[in-house]
Amino acid sequence: MKMLRKFLADETAATAIEYGLIAAGIAVVIISAVKGVGTKLSGTFSTISTSLK
């Protein structure tokens, strides 16, 4: 019975899951930002390339 109570009171797994969710959220934001910058940069390079021709 003591082991069951100890297992239910243990919150280290919940903390690890929270950190995992935070890391996933940050990764999504970084990927979105990089994709947006990449699209704008591609457009800029296309404009420069067209101007040089």
N, C-alpha and C. Protein backbone atom coordinates (compact mmCIF):
# COMPACT_ATOMS: atom_id res chain seq x y z
N MET A 1 0.82 -1.19 0.00
CA MET A 1 0.00 0.00 0.00
C MET A 1 0.87 1.27 0.00
N LYS A 2 1.99 1.21 0.74
CA LYS A 2 2.88 2.37 0.79
C LYS A 2 3.48 2.65 -0.58
N MET A 3 3.80 1.58 -1.32
CA MET A 3 4.38 1.76 -2.65
C MET A 3 3.40 2.44 -3.59
N LEU A 4 2.13 2.06 -3.51
CA LEU A 4 1.11 2.65 -4.37
C LEU A 4 0.94 4.14 -4.06
N ARG A 5 0.91 4.49 -2.79
CA ARG A 5 0.79 5.90 -2.40
C ARG A 5 2.01 6.69 -2.86
N LYS A 6 3.18 6.09 -2.70
CA LYS A 6 4.41 6.75 -3.13
C LYS A 6 4.41 6.96 -4.64
N PHE A 7 3.95 5.95 -5.38
CA PHE A 7 3.89 6.04 -6.83
C PHE A 7 2.92 7.13 -7.27
N LEU A 8 1.77 7.22 -6.65
CA LEU A 8 0.78 8.23 -7.00
C LEU A 8 1.21 9.64 -6.61
N ALA A 9 2.03 9.76 -5.57
CA ALA A 9 2.50 11.07 -5.12
C ALA A 9 3.70 11.55 -5.93
N ASP A 10 4.36 10.65 -6.67
CA ASP A 10 5.55 11.00 -7.44
C ASP A 10 5.15 11.88 -8.63
N GLU A 11 5.70 13.08 -8.71
CA GLU A 11 5.36 14.02 -9.77
C GLU A 11 6.51 14.26 -10.75
N THR A 12 7.55 13.46 -10.70
CA THR A 12 8.69 13.69 -11.59
C THR A 12 8.31 13.42 -13.05
N ALA A 13 7.46 12.46 -13.29
CA ALA A 13 7.03 12.18 -14.66
C ALA A 13 6.19 13.33 -15.20
N ALA A 14 5.35 13.89 -14.37
CA ALA A 14 4.52 15.03 -14.80
C ALA A 14 5.41 16.22 -15.16
N THR A 15 6.45 16.43 -14.39
CA THR A 15 7.38 17.52 -14.68
C THR A 15 8.10 17.28 -16.00
N ALA A 16 8.52 16.06 -16.24
CA ALA A 16 9.19 15.73 -17.49
C ALA A 16 8.26 15.94 -18.68
N ILE A 17 7.00 15.58 -18.53
CA ILE A 17 6.03 15.78 -19.61
C ILE A 17 5.81 17.28 -19.85
N GLU A 18 5.75 18.05 -18.80
CA GLU A 18 5.58 19.50 -18.95
C GLU A 18 6.77 20.11 -19.70
N TYR A 19 7.97 19.71 -19.33
CA TYR A 19 9.16 20.20 -20.03
C TYR A 19 9.15 19.77 -21.49
N GLY A 20 8.71 18.57 -21.77
CA GLY A 20 8.60 18.09 -23.14
C GLY A 20 7.61 18.92 -23.95
N LEU A 21 6.49 19.26 -23.36
CA LEU A 21 5.49 20.09 -24.04
C LEU A 21 6.01 21.50 -24.29
N ILE A 22 6.74 22.04 -23.33
CA ILE A 22 7.33 23.37 -23.52
C ILE A 22 8.34 23.34 -24.65
N ALA A 23 9.19 22.32 -24.68
CA ALA A 23 10.19 22.19 -25.74
C ALA A 23 9.52 22.03 -27.10
N ALA A 24 8.45 21.26 -27.17
CA ALA A 24 7.73 21.09 -28.43
C ALA A 24 7.11 22.41 -28.90
N GLY A 25 6.56 23.17 -27.98
CA GLY A 25 5.99 24.47 -28.33
C GLY A 25 7.03 25.43 -28.85
N ILE A 26 8.19 25.46 -28.20
CA ILE A 26 9.28 26.32 -28.65
C ILE A 26 9.75 25.89 -30.03
N ALA A 27 9.84 24.57 -30.27
CA ALA A 27 10.27 24.07 -31.57
C ALA A 27 9.30 24.49 -32.67
N VAL A 28 8.01 24.45 -32.40
CA VAL A 28 7.01 24.85 -33.39
C VAL A 28 7.17 26.34 -33.73
N VAL A 29 7.40 27.16 -32.72
CA VAL A 29 7.59 28.60 -32.95
C VAL A 29 8.84 28.85 -33.78
N ILE A 30 9.93 28.15 -33.45
CA ILE A 30 11.19 28.33 -34.19
C ILE A 30 11.01 27.89 -35.65
N ILE A 31 10.38 26.76 -35.87
CA ILE A 31 10.17 26.26 -37.23
C ILE A 31 9.32 27.24 -38.03
N SER A 32 8.28 27.77 -37.42
CA SER A 32 7.42 28.75 -38.12
C SER A 32 8.20 30.01 -38.47
N ALA A 33 9.01 30.49 -37.55
CA ALA A 33 9.79 31.70 -37.81
C ALA A 33 10.80 31.48 -38.92
N VAL A 34 11.49 30.35 -38.88
CA VAL A 34 12.50 30.05 -39.90
C VAL A 34 11.84 29.89 -41.27
N LYS A 35 10.69 29.26 -41.30
CA LYS A 35 9.98 29.08 -42.57
C LYS A 35 9.55 30.43 -43.14
N GLY A 36 9.06 31.32 -42.30
CA GLY A 36 8.64 32.65 -42.75
C GLY A 36 9.81 33.46 -43.27
N VAL A 37 10.92 33.42 -42.56
CA VAL A 37 12.11 34.15 -43.00
C VAL A 37 12.64 33.55 -44.30
N GLY A 38 12.62 32.22 -44.41
CA GLY A 38 13.09 31.56 -45.62
C GLY A 38 12.29 31.94 -46.84
N THR A 39 10.99 32.05 -46.68
CA THR A 39 10.12 32.43 -47.79
C THR A 39 10.43 33.86 -48.24
N LYS A 40 10.58 34.76 -47.29
CA LYS A 40 10.89 36.15 -47.62
C LYS A 40 12.27 36.25 -48.26
N LEU A 41 13.22 35.50 -47.75
CA LEU A 41 14.57 35.52 -48.29
C LEU A 41 14.60 34.97 -49.71
N SER A 42 13.84 33.94 -49.96
CA SER A 42 13.75 33.38 -51.31
C SER A 42 13.20 34.40 -52.29
N GLY A 43 12.19 35.13 -51.87
CA GLY A 43 11.61 36.18 -52.71
C GLY A 43 12.61 37.28 -53.00
N THR A 44 13.38 37.64 -52.00
CA THR A 44 14.40 38.67 -52.17
C THR A 44 15.46 38.23 -53.16
N PHE A 45 15.93 36.99 -53.03
CA PHE A 45 16.93 36.48 -53.96
C PHE A 45 16.39 36.38 -55.38
N SER A 46 15.13 36.04 -55.52
CA SER A 46 14.52 35.98 -56.85
C SER A 46 14.48 37.37 -57.48
N THR A 47 14.13 38.37 -56.69
CA THR A 47 14.09 39.76 -57.19
C THR A 47 15.48 40.22 -57.60
N ILE A 48 16.48 39.92 -56.80
CA ILE A 48 17.86 40.30 -57.12
C ILE A 48 18.32 39.59 -58.39
N SER A 49 18.01 38.30 -58.50
CA SER A 49 18.40 37.52 -59.66
C SER A 49 17.77 38.08 -60.93
N THR A 50 16.50 38.44 -60.84
CA THR A 50 15.80 39.02 -62.00
C THR A 50 16.41 40.37 -62.39
N SER A 51 16.75 41.16 -61.40
CA SER A 51 17.34 42.48 -61.66
C SER A 51 18.71 42.36 -62.31
N LEU A 52 19.48 41.34 -61.96
CA LEU A 52 20.83 41.18 -62.51
C LEU A 52 20.82 40.66 -63.95
N LYS A 53 19.73 40.04 -64.37
CA LYS A 53 19.68 39.47 -65.73
C LYS A 53 19.43 40.49 -66.71
